[in-house]
PDB file of N, CA and C in Angstrom:
ATOM      1  N   MET A   1     -13.185  11.785  10.805  1.00  0.00           N
ATOM      2  CA  MET A   1     -12.205  10.916  10.406  1.00  0.00           C
ATOM      3  C   MET A   1     -10.850  12.118  10.760  1.00  0.00           C
ATOM      4  N   TYR A   2     -10.515  11.990  12.207  1.00  0.00           N
ATOM      5  CA  TYR A   2      -9.031  13.270  12.243  1.00  0.00           C
ATOM      6  C   TYR A   2      -7.812  12.349  11.692  1.00  0.00           C
ATOM      7  N   ILE A   3      -7.256  13.211  10.634  1.00  0.00           N
ATOM      8  CA  ILE A   3      -5.710  13.454  10.206  1.00  0.00           C
ATOM      9  C   ILE A   3      -4.810  13.249  11.611  1.00  0.00           C
ATOM     10  N   ASN A   4      -3.647  12.252  11.138  1.00  0.00           N
ATOM     11  CA  ASN A   4      -2.806  11.946  12.040  1.00  0.00           C
ATOM     12  C   ASN A   4      -3.324  10.970  13.416  1.00  0.00           C
ATOM     13  N   PHE A   5      -4.123  10.454  13.472  1.00  0.00           N
ATOM     14  CA  PHE A   5      -5.006  10.528  14.964  1.00  0.00           C
ATOM     15  C   PHE A   5      -4.792   8.893  14.775  1.00  0.00           C
ATOM     16  N   TRP A   6      -4.545   8.133  15.865  1.00  0.00           N
ATOM     17  CA  TRP A   6      -4.205   6.867  15.883  1.00  0.00           C
ATOM     18  C   TRP A   6      -5.910   6.112  16.028  1.00  0.00           C
ATOM     19  N   TYR A   7      -6.012   5.120  15.293  1.00  0.00           N
ATOM     20  CA  TYR A   7      -6.810   4.203  15.406  1.00  0.00           C
ATOM     21  C   TYR A   7      -6.901   2.917  15.247  1.00  0.00           C
ATOM     22  N   PRO A   8      -7.395   2.059  15.754  1.00  0.00           N
ATOM     23  CA  PRO A   8      -7.476   0.507  15.779  1.00  0.00           C
ATOM     24  C   PRO A   8      -7.791   0.088  14.792  1.00  0.00           C
ATOM     25  N   ILE A   9      -6.753  -0.433  14.129  1.00  0.00           N
ATOM     26  CA  ILE A   9      -7.525  -1.376  12.590  1.00  0.00           C
ATOM     27  C   ILE A   9      -7.616  -2.816  12.745  1.00  0.00           C
ATOM     28  N   ALA A  10      -6.670  -3.502  13.545  1.00  0.00           N
ATOM     29  CA  ALA A  10      -6.324  -5.180  13.296  1.00  0.00           C
ATOM     30  C   ALA A  10      -5.792  -5.501  14.675  1.00  0.00           C
ATOM     31  N   ILE A  11      -5.379  -6.690  14.913  1.00  0.00           N
ATOM     32  CA  ILE A  11      -4.220  -7.368  16.053  1.00  0.00           C
ATOM     33  C   ILE A  11      -3.021  -7.080  15.326  1.00  0.00           C
ATOM     34  N   SER A  12      -1.829  -6.842  15.788  1.00  0.00           N
ATOM     35  CA  SER A  12      -0.724  -6.838  14.899  1.00  0.00           C
ATOM     36  C   SER A  12      -0.438  -8.298  14.529  1.00  0.00           C
ATOM     37  N   GLU A  13      -0.688  -9.340  15.018  1.00  0.00           N
ATOM     38  CA  GLU A  13      -0.317 -10.824  14.116  1.00  0.00           C
ATOM     39  C   GLU A  13      -1.110 -11.009  13.243  1.00  0.00           C
ATOM     40  N   GLU A  14      -2.300  -9.500  12.703  1.00  0.00           N
ATOM     41  CA  GLU A  14      -2.862 -10.131  11.393  1.00  0.00           C
ATOM     42  C   GLU A  14      -2.511  -9.611  10.468  1.00  0.00           C
ATOM     43  N   VAL A  15      -1.426  -8.574  10.364  1.00  0.00           N
ATOM     44  CA  VAL A  15      -0.520  -8.171   9.528  1.00  0.00           C
ATOM     45  C   VAL A  15       0.497  -8.666   9.229  1.00  0.00           C
ATOM     46  N   LYS A  16       0.808  -9.102   7.998  1.00  0.00           N
ATOM     47  CA  LYS A  16       1.795 -10.292   7.630  1.00  0.00           C
ATOM     48  C   LYS A  16       2.332  -9.381   6.767  1.00  0.00           C
ATOM     49  N   ALA A  17       3.306 -10.319   6.726  1.00  0.00           N
ATOM     50  CA  ALA A  17       4.551  -9.263   5.640  1.00  0.00           C
ATOM     51  C   ALA A  17       4.518  -9.633   4.294  1.00  0.00           C
ATOM     52  N   ASP A  18       4.300 -10.740   4.198  1.00  0.00           N
ATOM     53  CA  ASP A  18       3.758 -11.777   2.998  1.00  0.00           C
ATOM     54  C   ASP A  18       2.296 -11.289   1.767  1.00  0.00           C
ATOM     55  N   GLU A  19       1.171 -10.761   2.335  1.00  0.00           N
ATOM     56  CA  GLU A  19       0.444 -10.549   1.906  1.00  0.00           C
ATOM     57  C   GLU A  19      -0.653  -8.913   2.803  1.00  0.00           C
ATOM     58  N   PRO A  20      -1.059  -8.379   1.749  1.00  0.00           N
ATOM     59  CA  PRO A  20      -1.598  -7.415   2.206  1.00  0.00           C
ATOM     60  C   PRO A  20      -2.733  -7.712   3.402  1.00  0.00           C
ATOM     61  N   LEU A  21      -3.361  -7.029   4.038  1.00  0.00           N
ATOM     62  CA  LEU A  21      -4.806  -7.161   5.083  1.00  0.00           C
ATOM     63  C   LEU A  21      -5.253  -5.888   4.874  1.00  0.00           C
ATOM     64  N   ARG A  22      -6.617  -6.208   3.711  1.00  0.00           N
ATOM     65  CA  ARG A  22      -7.774  -4.890   3.799  1.00  0.00           C
ATOM     66  C   ARG A  22      -8.791  -5.161   5.053  1.00  0.00           C
ATOM     67  N   VAL A  23      -8.734  -3.570   4.909  1.00  0.00           N
ATOM     68  CA  VAL A  23      -9.566  -3.028   6.338  1.00  0.00           C
ATOM     69  C   VAL A  23     -10.363  -1.975   6.052  1.00  0.00           C
ATOM     70  N   GLU A  24     -11.558  -1.780   7.137  1.00  0.00           N
ATOM     71  CA  GLU A  24     -12.496  -0.632   6.498  1.00  0.00           C
ATOM     72  C   GLU A  24     -12.751   0.004   7.894  1.00  0.00           C
ATOM     73  N   VAL A  25     -12.589   1.504   7.989  1.00  0.00           N
ATOM     74  CA  VAL A  25     -12.527   2.274   9.009  1.00  0.00           C
ATOM     75  C   VAL A  25     -13.375   3.611   8.809  1.00  0.00           C
ATOM     76  N   LEU A  26     -14.762   3.194   9.906  1.00  0.00           N
ATOM     77  CA  LEU A  26     -15.330   4.741   9.090  1.00  0.00           C
ATOM     78  C   LEU A  26     -15.832   4.949   7.991  1.00  0.00           C
ATOM     79  N   SER A  27     -16.048   3.786   7.034  1.00  0.00           N
ATOM     80  CA  SER A  27     -16.572   3.649   5.865  1.00  0.00           C
ATOM     81  C   SER A  27     -14.979   3.961   4.584  1.00  0.00           C
ATOM     82  N   LEU A  28     -14.150   3.910   5.428  1.00  0.00           N
ATOM     83  CA  LEU A  28     -12.918   4.084   4.569  1.00  0.00           C
ATOM     84  C   LEU A  28     -11.758   2.959   4.649  1.00  0.00           C
ATOM     85  N   LYS A  29     -11.804   2.649   3.029  1.00  0.00           N
ATOM     86  CA  LYS A  29     -10.931   1.244   2.737  1.00  0.00           C
ATOM     87  C   LYS A  29      -9.379   1.929   3.034  1.00  0.00           C
ATOM     88  N   PHE A  30      -8.423   0.863   3.988  1.00  0.00           N
ATOM     89  CA  PHE A  30      -6.844   0.629   3.822  1.00  0.00           C
ATOM     90  C   PHE A  30      -6.570  -0.529   3.982  1.00  0.00           C
ATOM     91  N   VAL A  31      -5.097  -0.610   3.480  1.00  0.00           N
ATOM     92  CA  VAL A  31      -4.422  -1.737   3.515  1.00  0.00           C
ATOM     93  C   VAL A  31      -3.052  -1.350   4.548  1.00  0.00           C
ATOM     94  N   ALA A  32      -3.224  -2.774   4.990  1.00  0.00           N
ATOM     95  CA  ALA A  32      -1.419  -2.913   5.848  1.00  0.00           C
ATOM     96  C   ALA A  32      -1.148  -3.830   5.841  1.00  0.00           C
ATOM     97  N   PHE A  33       0.398  -3.710   5.545  1.00  0.00           N
ATOM     98  CA  PHE A  33       1.379  -4.213   5.631  1.00  0.00           C
ATOM     99  C   PHE A  33       2.508  -4.377   6.363  1.00  0.00           C
ATOM    100  N   ARG A  34       3.323  -5.220   6.267  1.00  0.00           N
ATOM    101  CA  ARG A  34       4.719  -5.369   7.083  1.00  0.00           C
ATOM    102  C   ARG A  34       5.955  -5.229   5.708  1.00  0.00           C
ATOM    103  N   ASP A  35       6.906  -4.169   6.016  1.00  0.00           N
ATOM    104  CA  ASP A  35       8.081  -4.560   4.824  1.00  0.00           C
ATOM    105  C   ASP A  35       9.097  -5.075   5.730  1.00  0.00           C
ATOM    106  N   THR A  36       9.952  -5.832   4.975  1.00  0.00           N
ATOM    107  CA  THR A  36      11.072  -6.556   5.633  1.00  0.00           C
ATOM    108  C   THR A  36      11.634  -6.750   7.096  1.00  0.00           C
ATOM    109  N   ASP A  37      11.953  -5.268   7.314  1.00  0.00           N
ATOM    110  CA  ASP A  37      12.442  -5.170   8.931  1.00  0.00           C
ATOM    111  C   ASP A  37      10.990  -5.358   9.676  1.00  0.00           C
ATOM    112  N   GLY A  38       9.938  -6.096   9.181  1.00  0.00           N
ATOM    113  CA  GLY A  38       8.431  -5.955  10.197  1.00  0.00           C
ATOM    114  C   GLY A  38       8.035  -4.811  10.666  1.00  0.00           C
ATOM    115  N   THR A  39       8.133  -3.637  10.306  1.00  0.00           N
ATOM    116  CA  THR A  39       7.685  -2.056  10.381  1.00  0.00           C
ATOM    117  C   THR A  39       5.829  -2.212   9.827  1.00  0.00           C
ATOM    118  N   ALA A  40       4.850  -1.808  10.724  1.00  0.00           N
ATOM    119  CA  ALA A  40       3.840  -2.364   9.948  1.00  0.00           C
ATOM    120  C   ALA A  40       3.342  -0.894   8.834  1.00  0.00           C
ATOM    121  N   HIS A  41       2.719  -0.744   8.296  1.00  0.00           N
ATOM    122  CA  HIS A  41       2.202   0.391   7.611  1.00  0.00           C
ATOM    123  C   HIS A  41       1.150   0.449   6.899  1.00  0.00           C
ATOM    124  N   VAL A  42      -0.008   1.495   6.984  1.00  0.00           N
ATOM    125  CA  VAL A  42      -0.904   1.269   6.322  1.00  0.00           C
ATOM    126  C   VAL A  42      -1.218   2.521   5.824  1.00  0.00           C
ATOM    127  N   LEU A  43      -1.568   2.075   4.334  1.00  0.00           N
ATOM    128  CA  LEU A  43      -1.860   2.991   3.475  1.00  0.00           C
ATOM    129  C   LEU A  43      -3.795   3.305   3.135  1.00  0.00           C
ATOM    130  N   SER A  44      -4.185   4.338   2.176  1.00  0.00           N
ATOM    131  CA  SER A  44      -5.179   4.280   1.325  1.00  0.00           C
ATOM    132  C   SER A  44      -5.058   2.877  -0.019  1.00  0.00           C
ATOM    133  N   ASP A  45      -6.343   2.379   0.797  1.00  0.00           N
ATOM    134  CA  ASP A  45      -6.642   1.010  -0.506  1.00  0.00           C
ATOM    135  C   ASP A  45      -6.771   1.080  -1.806  1.00  0.00           C
ATOM    136  N   THR A  46      -6.544   1.846  -2.611  1.00  0.00           N
ATOM    137  CA  THR A  46      -6.805   2.533  -3.354  1.00  0.00           C
ATOM    138  C   THR A  46      -5.519   3.084  -4.766  1.00  0.00           C
ATOM    139  N   CYS A  47      -5.320   2.141  -5.598  1.00  0.00           N
ATOM    140  CA  CYS A  47      -3.499   3.014  -6.619  1.00  0.00           C
ATOM    141  C   CYS A  47      -4.247   3.736  -6.929  1.00  0.00           C
ATOM    142  N   THR A  48      -3.306   4.900  -7.483  1.00  0.00           N
ATOM    143  CA  THR A  48      -3.427   6.482  -7.926  1.00  0.00           C
ATOM    144  C   THR A  48      -3.388   6.183  -9.410  1.00  0.00           C
ATOM    145  N   HIS A  49      -3.364   4.930  -9.950  1.00  0.00           N
ATOM    146  CA  HIS A  49      -3.418   4.697 -11.201  1.00  0.00           C
ATOM    147  C   HIS A  49      -4.815   4.513 -11.679  1.00  0.00           C
ATOM    148  N   ARG A  50      -5.209   3.518 -11.423  1.00  0.00           N
ATOM    149  CA  ARG A  50      -6.687   3.306 -12.034  1.00  0.00           C
ATOM    150  C   ARG A  50      -7.638   2.564 -10.994  1.00  0.00           C
ATOM    151  N   GLY A  51      -7.522   3.178  -9.498  1.00  0.00           N
ATOM    152  CA  GLY A  51      -8.200   3.024  -8.428  1.00  0.00           C
ATOM    153  C   GLY A  51      -7.858   1.627  -8.008  1.00  0.00           C
ATOM    154  N   GLY A  52      -7.437   0.851  -8.458  1.00  0.00           N
ATOM    155  CA  GLY A  52      -7.765  -0.706  -7.809  1.00  0.00           C
ATOM    156  C   GLY A  52      -7.193  -0.977  -6.626  1.00  0.00           C
ATOM    157  N   SER A  53      -7.688  -1.907  -5.856  1.00  0.00           N
ATOM    158  CA  SER A  53      -7.420  -2.523  -4.604  1.00  0.00           C
ATOM    159  C   SER A  53      -6.128  -2.734  -4.542  1.00  0.00           C
ATOM    160  N   LEU A  54      -5.331  -2.393  -3.494  1.00  0.00           N
ATOM    161  CA  LEU A  54      -3.800  -2.701  -3.222  1.00  0.00           C
ATOM    162  C   LEU A  54      -4.292  -3.504  -2.415  1.00  0.00           C
ATOM    163  N   GLY A  55      -5.344  -3.910  -1.302  1.00  0.00           N
ATOM    164  CA  GLY A  55      -5.194  -4.734  -0.790  1.00  0.00           C
ATOM    165  C   GLY A  55      -5.428  -6.423  -1.501  1.00  0.00           C
ATOM    166  N   LYS A  56      -5.746  -5.747  -2.564  1.00  0.00           N
ATOM    167  CA  LYS A  56      -5.958  -7.201  -3.667  1.00  0.00           C
ATOM    168  C   LYS A  56      -4.576  -7.686  -4.524  1.00  0.00           C
ATOM    169  N   GLY A  57      -3.779  -6.887  -4.036  1.00  0.00           N
ATOM    170  CA  GLY A  57      -2.529  -7.318  -4.602  1.00  0.00           C
ATOM    171  C   GLY A  57      -1.825  -8.251  -3.839  1.00  0.00           C
ATOM    172  N   TRP A  58      -0.384  -7.948  -3.355  1.00  0.00           N
ATOM    173  CA  TRP A  58       0.515  -8.670  -2.987  1.00  0.00           C
ATOM    174  C   TRP A  58       1.858  -7.815  -2.380  1.00  0.00           C
ATOM    175  N   VAL A  59       2.649  -8.308  -1.406  1.00  0.00           N
ATOM    176  CA  VAL A  59       3.854  -7.611  -0.873  1.00  0.00           C
ATOM    177  C   VAL A  59       5.241  -8.125  -1.430  1.00  0.00           C
ATOM    178  N   LYS A  60       5.870  -7.500  -1.933  1.00  0.00           N
ATOM    179  CA  LYS A  60       7.448  -7.968  -2.443  1.00  0.00           C
ATOM    180  C   LYS A  60       8.296  -6.726  -2.374  1.00  0.00           C
ATOM    181  N   ASP A  61       9.567  -7.191  -1.331  1.00  0.00           N
ATOM    182  CA  ASP A  61      10.483  -6.253  -1.278  1.00  0.00           C
ATOM    183  C   ASP A  61       9.924  -4.813  -0.315  1.00  0.00           C
ATOM    184  N   SER A  62       8.903  -5.186   0.574  1.00  0.00           N
ATOM    185  CA  SER A  62       8.493  -3.868   1.422  1.00  0.00           C
ATOM    186  C   SER A  62       7.841  -2.996   0.466  1.00  0.00           C
ATOM    187  N   CYS A  63       7.010  -3.440  -0.712  1.00  0.00           N
ATOM    188  CA  CYS A  63       6.420  -2.734  -1.043  1.00  0.00           C
ATOM    189  C   CYS A  63       5.219  -3.311  -1.239  1.00  0.00           C
ATOM    190  N   VAL A  64       3.806  -2.952  -1.033  1.00  0.00           N
ATOM    191  CA  VAL A  64       2.341  -3.352  -1.884  1.00  0.00           C
ATOM    192  C   VAL A  64       2.579  -3.223  -2.913  1.00  0.00           C
ATOM    193  N   ILE A  65       1.766  -4.360  -3.924  1.00  0.00           N
ATOM    194  CA  ILE A  65       1.623  -3.635  -5.325  1.00  0.00           C
ATOM    195  C   ILE A  65       0.505  -3.988  -5.991  1.00  0.00           C
ATOM    196  N   CYS A  66       0.159  -3.200  -6.394  1.00  0.00           N
ATOM    197  CA  CYS A  66      -1.317  -2.966  -7.103  1.00  0.00           C
ATOM    198  C   CYS A  66      -1.231  -4.644  -8.246  1.00  0.00           C
ATOM    199  N   PRO A  67      -2.759  -5.392  -7.778  1.00  0.00           N
ATOM    200  CA  PRO A  67      -2.921  -6.429  -9.144  1.00  0.00           C
ATOM    201  C   PRO A  67      -3.160  -6.082 -10.516  1.00  0.00           C
ATOM    202  N   TYR A  68      -3.459  -4.896 -10.848  1.00  0.00           N
ATOM    203  CA  TYR A  68      -3.909  -4.164 -12.314  1.00  0.00           C
ATOM    204  C   TYR A  68      -2.892  -4.167 -13.250  1.00  0.00           C
ATOM    205  N   HIS A  69      -1.915  -3.238 -12.948  1.00  0.00           N
ATOM    206  CA  HIS A  69      -0.891  -3.032 -13.800  1.00  0.00           C
ATOM    207  C   HIS A  69       0.451  -2.961 -13.084  1.00  0.00           C
ATOM    208  N   GLY A  70       0.512  -3.498 -11.390  1.00  0.00           N
ATOM    209  CA  GLY A  70       2.010  -3.882 -10.894  1.00  0.00           C
ATOM    210  C   GLY A  70       2.837  -2.839 -10.888  1.00  0.00           C
ATOM    211  N   TRP A  71       2.016  -1.559 -10.499  1.00  0.00           N
ATOM    212  CA  TRP A  71       2.058  -0.178  -9.661  1.00  0.00           C
ATOM    213  C   TRP A  71       3.061  -0.550  -8.190  1.00  0.00           C
ATOM    214  N   ARG A  72       4.310  -0.328  -7.628  1.00  0.00           N
ATOM    215  CA  ARG A  72       4.565  -0.803  -6.773  1.00  0.00           C
ATOM    216  C   ARG A  72       4.342   0.780  -5.279  1.00  0.00           C
ATOM    217  N   TYR A  73       4.063   0.220  -4.554  1.00  0.00           N
ATOM    218  CA  TYR A  73       3.936   1.495  -3.292  1.00  0.00           C
ATOM    219  C   TYR A  73       4.912   0.858  -1.703  1.00  0.00           C
ATOM    220  N   ASP A  74       6.140   1.856  -1.448  1.00  0.00           N
ATOM    221  CA  ASP A  74       6.959   1.242  -0.593  1.00  0.00           C
ATOM    222  C   ASP A  74       5.852   2.010   1.121  1.00  0.00           C
ATOM    223  N   GLY A  75       5.769   1.505   2.135  1.00  0.00           N
ATOM    224  CA  GLY A  75       5.522   2.311   3.240  1.00  0.00           C
ATOM    225  C   GLY A  75       5.403   3.688   3.594  1.00  0.00           C
ATOM    226  N   SER A  76       5.618   4.706   2.905  1.00  0.00           N
ATOM    227  CA  SER A  76       5.329   5.684   3.010  1.00  0.00           C
ATOM    228  C   SER A  76       3.878   6.157   1.907  1.00  0.00           C
ATOM    229  N   GLY A  77       3.837   5.380   1.102  1.00  0.00           N
ATOM    230  CA  GLY A  77       2.768   5.478   0.313  1.00  0.00           C
ATOM    231  C   GLY A  77       3.545   5.744  -1.406  1.00  0.00           C
ATOM    232  N   LYS A  78       4.956   6.148  -1.572  1.00  0.00           N
ATOM    233  CA  LYS A  78       5.420   6.643  -2.817  1.00  0.00           C
ATOM    234  C   LYS A  78       5.495   5.413  -3.908  1.00  0.00           C
ATOM    235  N   CYS A  79       5.292   5.722  -4.981  1.00  0.00           N
ATOM    236  CA  CYS A  79       5.104   4.682  -5.908  1.00  0.00           C
ATOM    237  C   CYS A  79       6.790   4.252  -6.098  1.00  0.00           C
ATOM    238  N   THR A  80       7.002   3.631  -6.055  1.00  0.00           N
ATOM    239  CA  THR A  80       8.740   3.490  -6.267  1.00  0.00           C
ATOM    240  C   THR A  80       9.132   2.709  -8.039  1.00  0.00           C
ATOM    241  N   THR A  81       7.695   1.926  -8.177  1.00  0.00           N
ATOM    242  CA  THR A  81       8.195   1.084  -9.577  1.00  0.00           C
ATOM    243  C   THR A  81       6.841   1.602 -10.600  1.00  0.00           C
ATOM    244  N   ILE A  82       7.002   1.507 -11.786  1.00  0.00           N
ATOM    245  CA  ILE A  82       5.889   1.688 -12.693  1.00  0.00           C
ATOM    246  C   ILE A  82       6.014   0.937 -13.925  1.00  0.00           C
ATOM    247  N   PRO A  83       6.050  -0.654 -14.051  1.00  0.00           N
ATOM    248  CA  PRO A  83       6.576  -1.347 -14.732  1.00  0.00           C
ATOM    249  C   PRO A  83       6.348  -1.217 -16.172  1.00  0.00           C
ATOM    250  N   SER A  84       5.019  -0.040 -16.803  1.00  0.00           N
ATOM    251  CA  SER A  84       5.299   0.165 -18.074  1.00  0.00           C
ATOM    252  C   SER A  84       6.137   1.149 -18.393  1.00  0.00           C
ATOM    253  N   ILE A  85       6.876   1.962 -17.932  1.00  0.00           N
ATOM    254  CA  ILE A  85       7.711   2.894 -17.773  1.00  0.00           C
ATOM    255  C   ILE A  85       9.504   2.219 -17.646  1.00  0.00           C
ATOM    256  N   GLY A  86       9.359   0.850 -16.994  1.00  0.00           N
ATOM    257  CA  GLY A  86      10.852   0.184 -16.960  1.00  0.00           C
ATOM    258  C   GLY A  86      10.610   0.339 -15.587  1.00  0.00           C
ATOM    259  N   TYR A  87      12.199  -0.733 -15.298  1.00  0.00           N
ATOM    260  CA  TYR A  87      12.208  -0.471 -13.770  1.00  0.00           C
ATOM    261  C   TYR A  87      13.183   0.339 -13.555  1.00  0.00           C
ATOM    262  N   ASP A  88      13.966   0.680 -14.321  1.00  0.00           N
ATOM    263  CA  ASP A  88      14.862   1.761 -14.245  1.00  0.00           C
ATOM    264  C   ASP A  88      13.722   3.306 -14.044  1.00  0.00           C
ATOM    265  N   GLY A  89      12.901   3.426 -14.507  1.00  0.00           N
ATOM    266  CA  GLY A  89      12.214   4.938 -14.623  1.00  0.00           C
ATOM    267  C   GLY A  89      11.545   5.208 -13.838  1.00  0.00           C
ATOM    268  N   LYS A  90      11.897   6.566 -13.504  1.00  0.00           N
ATOM    269  CA  LYS A  90      11.626   7.213 -12.484  1.00  0.00           C
ATOM    270  C   LYS A  90       9.752   7.556 -12.494  1.00  0.00           C
ATOM    271  N   PRO A  91       9.040   6.998 -11.469  1.00  0.00           N
ATOM    272  CA  PRO A  91       7.022   7.270 -11.239  1.00  0.00           C
ATOM    273  C   PRO A  91       7.691   9.071 -10.390  1.00  0.00           C
ATOM    274  N   PRO A  92       6.180   9.605 -11.434  1.00  0.00           N
ATOM    275  CA  PRO A  92       6.026  10.608 -10.843  1.00  0.00           C
ATOM    276  C   PRO A  92       5.666  11.477  -9.559  1.00  0.00           C
ATOM    277  N   PRO A  93       5.858  12.421  -9.018  1.00  0.00           N
ATOM    278  CA  PRO A  93       5.790  12.598  -7.090  1.00  0.00           C
ATOM    279  C   PRO A  93       5.014  12.076  -7.219  1.00  0.00           C
ATOM    280  N   ARG A  94       3.380  13.045  -7.785  1.00  0.00           N
ATOM    281  CA  ARG A  94       2.030  12.506  -8.072  1.00  0.00           C
ATOM    282  C   ARG A  94       1.924  11.128  -7.489  1.00  0.00           C
ATOM    283  N   ALA A  95       2.584  10.539  -7.754  1.00  0.00           N
ATOM    284  CA  ALA A  95       2.042   9.033  -7.689  1.00  0.00           C
ATOM    285  C   ALA A  95       2.198   8.151  -6.573  1.00  0.00           C
ATOM    286  N   LYS A  96       1.421   8.864  -5.239  1.00  0.00           N
ATOM    287  CA  LYS A  96       2.062   8.710  -4.617  1.00  0.00           C
ATOM    288  C   LYS A  96      -0.184   8.431  -3.589  1.00  0.00           C
ATOM    289  N   VAL A  97       0.213   7.370  -2.566  1.00  0.00           N
ATOM    290  CA  VAL A  97      -1.110   6.838  -2.150  1.00  0.00           C
ATOM    291  C   VAL A  97      -0.912   7.541  -0.718  1.00  0.00           C
ATOM    292  N   ASP A  98      -2.062   7.931   0.002  1.00  0.00           N
ATOM    293  CA  ASP A  98      -2.011   8.511   1.088  1.00  0.00           C
ATOM    294  C   ASP A  98      -2.042   7.559   2.327  1.00  0.00           C
TER     295      ASP A  98
END
């Protein structure tokens, strides 16, 4: 798979703002979702914490949320919230999904 190359993964209408869409392309798993502005985002379908499927979680406030421990990722893949360190705590920079 080429990095930074366009691959069709879904019809636009399939990507919702209220639930993640799990897709598999060339044996790689991804999750697609929309933020509150309607912009579509695609990330790897693996939480950096324990490897949970982000596609089995939910979307809230422009973030996809891991169903296991509630880690939140924005459209860039940056972890914005880790509930166990508090909602005011700052996640480490390495907590980022590709």
